[in-house]
Amino acid sequence: MKLKQVRNSKGLSLRALSELADVPQRTIEDLERRDDGRVSTMIKLADALGVTLDELCRDEAAE
């Protein structure tokens, strides 16, 4: 998953993304560490970041 990479490229802090996506900051931290999460949460984050789920979740090796 490229959540941290995408978040950083958009210039968003954990707090800013948390507020934008209405997802707890701790959840985002856990997702960036574990690389997996609930689809509903990932959809919220992708929408807030302005990217597709594919762009957010697909491993570069799988492309």
C-alpha atoms as a PDB file:
ATOM      1  CA  MET A   1       0.000   0.000   0.000  1.00  0.00           C
ATOM      2  CA  LYS A   2       1.221   3.482  -0.808  1.00  0.00           C
ATOM      3  CA  LEU A   3      -0.810   5.453   1.732  1.00  0.00           C
ATOM      4  CA  LYS A   4       2.109   7.243   3.365  1.00  0.00           C
ATOM      5  CA  GLN A   5       3.762   7.922   0.008  1.00  0.00           C
ATOM      6  CA  VAL A   6       0.557   9.393  -1.467  1.00  0.00           C
ATOM      7  CA  ARG A   7      -0.211  11.388   1.687  1.00  0.00           C
ATOM      8  CA  ASN A   8       3.265  12.900   1.672  1.00  0.00           C
ATOM      9  CA  SER A   9       3.110  13.704  -2.048  1.00  0.00           C
ATOM     10  CA  LYS A  10      -0.104  15.662  -1.382  1.00  0.00           C
ATOM     11  CA  GLY A  11       1.620  17.551   1.460  1.00  0.00           C
ATOM     12  CA  LEU A  12      -0.841  16.322   4.091  1.00  0.00           C
ATOM     13  CA  SER A  13      -0.020  15.642   7.716  1.00  0.00           C
ATOM     14  CA  LEU A  14      -1.607  12.710   9.517  1.00  0.00           C
ATOM     15  CA  ARG A  15      -3.878  15.145  11.313  1.00  0.00           C
ATOM     16  CA  ALA A  16      -4.939  16.917   8.098  1.00  0.00           C
ATOM     17  CA  LEU A  17      -5.774  13.640   6.356  1.00  0.00           C
ATOM     18  CA  SER A  18      -7.606  12.433   9.439  1.00  0.00           C
ATOM     19  CA  GLU A  19      -9.827  15.508   9.424  1.00  0.00           C
ATOM     20  CA  LEU A  20     -10.309  15.466   5.643  1.00  0.00           C
ATOM     21  CA  ALA A  21     -11.274  11.782   5.494  1.00  0.00           C
ATOM     22  CA  ASP A  22     -13.058  11.603   8.859  1.00  0.00           C
ATOM     23  CA  VAL A  23     -10.816   8.688   9.846  1.00  0.00           C
ATOM     24  CA  PRO A  24      -9.070   8.584  13.243  1.00  0.00           C
ATOM     25  CA  GLN A  25      -5.398   9.543  13.112  1.00  0.00           C
ATOM     26  CA  ARG A  26      -4.456   6.346  14.945  1.00  0.00           C
ATOM     27  CA  THR A  27      -6.178   4.286  12.230  1.00  0.00           C
ATOM     28  CA  ILE A  28      -4.132   6.035   9.534  1.00  0.00           C
ATOM     29  CA  GLU A  29      -0.928   5.433  11.500  1.00  0.00           C
ATOM     30  CA  ASP A  30      -1.805   1.739  11.808  1.00  0.00           C
ATOM     31  CA  LEU A  31      -2.613   1.480   8.092  1.00  0.00           C
ATOM     32  CA  GLU A  32       0.713   3.043   7.147  1.00  0.00           C
ATOM     33  CA  ARG A  33       2.525   0.534   9.359  1.00  0.00           C
ATOM     34  CA  ARG A  34       0.552  -2.636   8.544  1.00  0.00           C
ATOM     35  CA  ASP A  35      -0.321  -2.049   4.886  1.00  0.00           C
ATOM     36  CA  ASP A  36      -3.843  -3.441   5.210  1.00  0.00           C
ATOM     37  CA  GLY A  37      -7.211  -2.195   6.315  1.00  0.00           C
ATOM     38  CA  ARG A  38     -10.957  -2.214   5.866  1.00  0.00           C
ATOM     39  CA  VAL A  39     -12.179  -1.423   2.381  1.00  0.00           C
ATOM     40  CA  SER A  40     -14.597   1.211   3.684  1.00  0.00           C
ATOM     41  CA  THR A  41     -11.729   3.049   5.393  1.00  0.00           C
ATOM     42  CA  MET A  42      -9.527   2.816   2.319  1.00  0.00           C
ATOM     43  CA  ILE A  43     -12.341   4.272   0.176  1.00  0.00           C
ATOM     44  CA  LYS A  44     -12.643   7.266   2.524  1.00  0.00           C
ATOM     45  CA  LEU A  45      -8.891   7.842   2.386  1.00  0.00           C
ATOM     46  CA  ALA A  46      -8.685   7.459  -1.399  1.00  0.00           C
ATOM     47  CA  ASP A  47     -11.549   9.947  -1.844  1.00  0.00           C
ATOM     48  CA  ALA A  48      -9.933  12.438   0.536  1.00  0.00           C
ATOM     49  CA  LEU A  49      -6.598  12.112  -1.286  1.00  0.00           C
ATOM     50  CA  GLY A  50      -8.190  12.385  -4.712  1.00  0.00           C
ATOM     51  CA  VAL A  51      -6.836   9.042  -5.944  1.00  0.00           C
ATOM     52  CA  THR A  52      -8.367   5.709  -6.868  1.00  0.00           C
ATOM     53  CA  LEU A  53      -8.253   2.679  -4.594  1.00  0.00           C
ATOM     54  CA  ASP A  54      -6.008   1.068  -7.172  1.00  0.00           C
ATOM     55  CA  GLU A  55      -3.539   3.973  -6.999  1.00  0.00           C
ATOM     56  CA  LEU A  56      -3.598   3.902  -3.212  1.00  0.00           C
ATOM     57  CA  CYS A  57      -3.410   0.152  -2.621  1.00  0.00           C
ATOM     58  CA  ARG A  58      -1.710  -1.515  -5.566  1.00  0.00           C
ATOM     59  CA  ASP A  59       1.877  -2.547  -5.025  1.00  0.00           C
ATOM     60  CA  GLU A  60       4.241  -1.242  -7.681  1.00  0.00           C
ATOM     61  CA  ALA A  61       5.497  -4.806  -8.129  1.00  0.00           C
ATOM     62  CA  ALA A  62       1.982  -5.879  -9.133  1.00  0.00           C
ATOM     63  CA  GLU A  63       1.709  -3.241 -11.869  1.00  0.00           C
END
